[in-house]
Amino acid sequence: MIKNIFWDVDGVLANLNFAYYNFLKNHPKYRPLYGHMTWEDLPKILPVDPKYGALELQTHPTMGTELNDDFCHSLAFFTNRPLYPNVIETLKELHACGYKQFTLSATFDVETKKRFLNTLLKDVTDFLVIECVQHGKFMHDTAKEDMLKDCLKRYNLKPEETVLVDDRIYNQQAALNIGAVPLRYRSEFTTDLPPHLQFIDEVHNMDELKDWLVRQNGQLCL
């Protein structure tokens, strides 16, 4: 049975794509280039890298590192990522059903991200454990895998009873590597899983996620 849920935040609980769009369109440095962009232009400006499977500023063909650095250090844009529909209600429902829930978010600055998440998720921090991990040199390093291992040990959780809900493709492999269950969350502009990972289940919203838990456990509540 699945008893523990590790939530990626960006692209699963919160709409990072909205933050990217607002940043590119309205940041004074980039407004001259992208002030007239439309929502549909996002994957044209930020081509989706196969290892990510979702939008990343660093995939911009010429300014990726610069864009990411400016975004991370512009808190008004960095924190402007609204929660997806029914997130708070779903987390509360799953808590009432007996699931242990955590965030597992990789970031450039752990303390800044923790402060932001405690504000964004203030309605559920009485039971949701906020965990963040520092990125290494690359977005697809082992930081999240290492933190997931550490959390399983610290909270005495069994990997086979634990699901990592994440939209990034490389993090699906991280869950598999430690014996946890990967679940792909499809947000705006995500691309399909590669052939060798297409056995992984995918969901598109919180209702589908609850249906997935019912299929895994035979019922929603533990």
Protein backbone atom coordinates (compact mmCIF):
# COMPACT_ATOMS: atom_id res chain seq x y z
CA MET A 1 0.00 0.00 0.00
CA ILE A 2 1.00 3.59 -0.58
CA LYS A 3 1.17 5.35 2.78
CA ASN A 4 3.60 8.22 2.15
CA ILE A 5 3.43 10.95 -0.48
CA PHE A 6 6.37 13.15 -1.46
CA TRP A 7 5.12 16.08 -3.52
CA ASP A 8 7.29 17.96 -5.92
CA VAL A 9 6.02 21.53 -5.74
CA ASP A 10 6.80 23.21 -9.06
CA GLY A 11 4.62 21.80 -11.80
CA VAL A 12 2.66 19.58 -9.38
CA LEU A 13 1.28 21.69 -6.54
CA ALA A 14 2.16 25.13 -7.93
CA ASN A 15 2.14 26.54 -11.45
CA LEU A 16 5.79 27.27 -12.21
CA ASN A 17 4.91 27.87 -15.85
CA PHE A 18 2.83 30.87 -14.79
CA ALA A 19 5.85 32.23 -12.92
CA TYR A 20 8.06 31.78 -15.98
CA TYR A 21 5.51 33.48 -18.22
CA ASN A 22 5.12 36.46 -15.92
CA PHE A 23 8.89 36.75 -15.50
CA LEU A 24 9.71 36.70 -19.22
CA LYS A 25 6.87 39.05 -20.10
CA ASN A 26 7.23 41.60 -17.31
CA HIS A 27 10.77 41.61 -15.90
CA PRO A 28 12.33 44.97 -16.95
CA LYS A 29 15.39 43.25 -18.39
CA TYR A 30 13.41 40.84 -20.58
CA ARG A 31 10.25 42.84 -21.34
CA PRO A 32 11.78 44.34 -24.52
CA LEU A 33 12.32 40.80 -25.86
CA TYR A 34 9.21 39.03 -24.60
CA GLY A 35 6.66 41.68 -23.65
CA HIS A 36 4.41 40.65 -26.52
CA MET A 37 4.64 36.90 -25.99
CA THR A 38 1.54 34.76 -25.54
CA TRP A 39 1.04 31.83 -23.16
CA GLU A 40 1.36 29.45 -26.12
CA ASP A 41 4.82 30.87 -26.89
CA LEU A 42 6.37 29.45 -23.72
CA PRO A 43 7.59 26.11 -25.17
CA LYS A 44 8.92 27.95 -28.23
CA ILE A 45 11.05 30.22 -26.05
CA LEU A 46 12.00 27.45 -23.62
CA PRO A 47 12.29 24.27 -25.72
CA VAL A 48 11.58 21.25 -23.55
CA ASP A 49 14.69 19.15 -22.96
CA PRO A 50 13.94 15.38 -23.08
CA LYS A 51 15.55 14.76 -19.69
CA TYR A 52 13.28 17.38 -18.09
CA GLY A 53 10.03 16.76 -19.93
CA ALA A 54 8.78 20.14 -18.66
CA LEU A 55 9.67 23.80 -19.02
CA GLU A 56 12.95 25.02 -17.54
CA LEU A 57 14.51 28.45 -17.94
CA GLN A 58 17.89 26.83 -18.44
CA THR A 59 16.75 25.29 -21.71
CA HIS A 60 16.68 28.69 -23.41
CA PRO A 61 19.09 28.28 -26.33
CA THR A 62 21.27 31.33 -25.57
CA MET A 63 20.41 32.84 -22.17
CA GLY A 64 19.47 29.86 -20.02
CA THR A 65 21.90 30.39 -17.15
CA GLU A 66 21.31 34.14 -17.12
CA LEU A 67 17.53 33.77 -17.14
CA ASN A 68 17.59 31.23 -14.32
CA ASP A 69 19.90 33.36 -12.19
CA ASP A 70 17.79 36.49 -12.65
CA PHE A 71 14.57 34.58 -11.92
CA CYS A 72 15.93 33.00 -8.74
CA HIS A 73 17.11 36.38 -7.46
CA SER A 74 13.93 38.30 -8.30
CA LEU A 75 11.65 37.27 -5.46
CA ALA A 76 8.57 39.07 -6.79
CA PHE A 77 8.70 36.81 -9.86
CA PHE A 78 10.17 33.74 -8.16
CA THR A 79 7.32 33.54 -5.65
CA ASN A 80 4.53 34.36 -8.11
CA ARG A 81 3.44 30.77 -8.77
CA PRO A 82 -0.16 30.07 -7.74
CA LEU A 83 -1.32 26.70 -6.52
CA TYR A 84 -3.14 24.52 -9.01
CA PRO A 85 -6.89 23.96 -8.43
CA ASN A 86 -7.95 21.79 -5.47
CA VAL A 87 -4.44 21.38 -4.06
CA ILE A 88 -5.21 22.46 -0.49
CA GLU A 89 -8.48 20.53 -0.40
CA THR A 90 -6.80 17.38 -1.71
CA LEU A 91 -3.89 17.55 0.74
CA LYS A 92 -6.34 17.97 3.61
CA GLU A 93 -8.44 15.05 2.39
CA LEU A 94 -5.42 12.79 2.07
CA HIS A 95 -4.25 13.79 5.54
CA ALA A 96 -7.66 12.84 6.92
CA CYS A 97 -7.27 9.52 5.12
CA GLY A 98 -4.05 8.78 6.99
CA TYR A 99 -1.29 9.57 4.48
CA LYS A 100 2.00 11.10 5.59
CA GLN A 101 2.80 13.98 3.25
CA PHE A 102 5.99 15.87 2.46
CA THR A 103 7.25 18.34 -0.10
CA LEU A 104 10.51 17.45 -1.79
CA SER A 105 11.59 20.49 -3.74
CA ALA A 106 15.04 21.10 -5.21
CA THR A 107 16.10 24.74 -5.28
CA PHE A 108 18.99 27.20 -5.55
CA ASP A 109 18.48 28.49 -1.98
CA VAL A 110 16.94 26.15 0.59
CA GLU A 111 16.04 28.77 3.19
CA THR A 112 14.42 31.11 0.66
CA LYS A 113 12.39 28.25 -0.82
CA LYS A 114 11.32 27.00 2.62
CA ARG A 115 10.07 30.44 3.61
CA PHE A 116 8.15 30.68 0.36
CA LEU A 117 6.63 27.21 0.70
CA ASN A 118 5.57 27.82 4.27
CA THR A 119 3.68 30.89 3.03
CA LEU A 120 2.26 29.25 -0.10
CA LEU A 121 1.11 26.16 1.81
CA LYS A 122 0.26 27.86 5.11
CA ASP A 123 -3.15 26.18 5.26
CA VAL A 124 -1.61 22.69 5.49
CA THR A 125 1.70 23.16 7.31
CA ASP A 126 0.18 21.71 10.46
CA PHE A 127 0.65 18.28 8.87
CA LEU A 128 2.65 18.78 5.64
CA VAL A 129 6.41 18.43 6.21
CA ILE A 130 8.34 20.97 4.12
CA GLU A 131 11.57 19.45 2.83
CA CYS A 132 13.87 21.21 0.34
CA VAL A 133 17.22 20.26 -1.11
CA GLN A 134 19.99 22.32 -2.71
CA HIS A 135 20.58 21.78 -6.41
CA GLY A 136 24.06 20.78 -7.42
CA LYS A 137 25.74 22.09 -10.55
CA PHE A 138 23.06 20.61 -12.81
CA MET A 139 19.29 20.46 -12.51
CA HIS A 140 19.37 16.70 -13.04
CA ASP A 141 21.96 15.81 -10.39
CA THR A 142 21.31 13.34 -7.55
CA ALA A 143 20.23 15.97 -5.00
CA LYS A 144 16.57 14.94 -4.92
CA GLU A 145 17.42 11.23 -4.89
CA ASP A 146 19.82 11.77 -1.99
CA MET A 147 17.26 13.81 -0.04
CA LEU A 148 14.57 11.20 -0.66
CA LYS A 149 16.88 8.52 0.76
CA ASP A 150 17.59 10.73 3.77
CA CYS A 151 13.90 11.39 4.41
CA LEU A 152 13.03 7.70 4.24
CA LYS A 153 15.65 7.04 6.88
CA ARG A 154 14.82 10.03 9.13
CA TYR A 155 11.08 9.44 9.11
CA ASN A 156 11.35 5.63 9.16
CA LEU A 157 9.43 5.16 5.92
CA LYS A 158 9.46 2.14 3.63
CA PRO A 159 10.32 2.99 0.00
CA GLU A 160 7.77 0.54 -1.40
CA GLU A 161 5.05 2.41 0.56
CA THR A 162 6.21 5.77 -0.76
CA VAL A 163 5.26 7.64 -3.94
CA LEU A 164 7.14 10.57 -5.45
CA VAL A 165 4.73 12.77 -7.43
CA ASP A 166 6.84 14.75 -9.89
CA ASP A 167 6.55 16.21 -13.38
CA ARG A 168 10.26 16.11 -14.26
CA ILE A 169 11.33 12.99 -16.12
CA TYR A 170 14.74 12.65 -14.48
CA ASN A 171 13.10 12.53 -11.06
CA GLN A 172 11.06 9.48 -12.05
CA GLN A 173 14.35 7.63 -12.29
CA ALA A 174 15.40 9.01 -8.90
CA ALA A 175 12.35 7.37 -7.29
CA LEU A 176 13.03 4.09 -9.05
CA ASN A 177 16.66 4.11 -7.95
CA ILE A 178 15.74 4.06 -4.26
CA GLY A 179 12.85 1.61 -4.57
CA ALA A 180 10.04 4.16 -4.25
CA VAL A 181 7.06 4.41 -6.59
CA PRO A 182 7.24 7.14 -9.26
CA LEU A 183 4.10 8.93 -10.41
CA ARG A 184 4.33 11.42 -13.25
CA TYR A 185 2.22 14.54 -12.95
CA ARG A 186 1.40 16.14 -16.30
CA SER A 187 1.29 19.91 -16.11
CA GLU A 188 1.08 22.41 -18.95
CA PHE A 189 3.59 21.77 -21.72
CA THR A 190 4.98 18.49 -20.32
CA THR A 191 6.15 15.98 -22.91
CA ASP A 192 5.64 12.22 -23.00
CA LEU A 193 7.83 9.82 -21.08
CA PRO A 194 10.66 8.17 -23.04
CA PRO A 195 10.05 4.56 -24.14
CA HIS A 196 12.07 3.00 -21.29
CA LEU A 197 9.92 4.80 -18.66
CA GLN A 198 6.48 4.50 -20.25
CA PHE A 199 5.45 1.90 -17.67
CA ILE A 200 5.20 4.75 -15.13
CA ASP A 201 1.65 5.92 -14.43
CA GLU A 202 0.71 9.51 -15.21
CA VAL A 203 -2.02 11.80 -13.83
CA HIS A 204 -3.20 15.23 -14.92
CA ASN A 205 -4.98 16.59 -11.86
CA MET A 206 -5.77 15.89 -8.23
CA ASP A 207 -8.89 13.86 -8.97
CA GLU A 208 -6.88 11.51 -11.18
CA LEU A 209 -4.27 11.24 -8.44
CA LYS A 210 -6.89 10.17 -5.91
CA ASP A 211 -8.22 7.62 -8.40
CA TRP A 212 -4.67 6.29 -8.77
CA LEU A 213 -4.40 5.86 -4.99
CA VAL A 214 -7.68 3.94 -4.99
CA ARG A 215 -6.28 1.58 -7.67
CA GLN A 216 -3.08 1.08 -5.67
CA ASN A 217 -4.67 0.58 -2.25
CA GLY A 218 -8.15 -0.69 -3.07
CA GLN A 219 -9.61 2.39 -1.35
CA LEU A 220 -8.66 5.98 -0.79
CA CYS A 221 -8.29 6.02 2.98
CA LEU A 222 -5.77 3.86 4.80
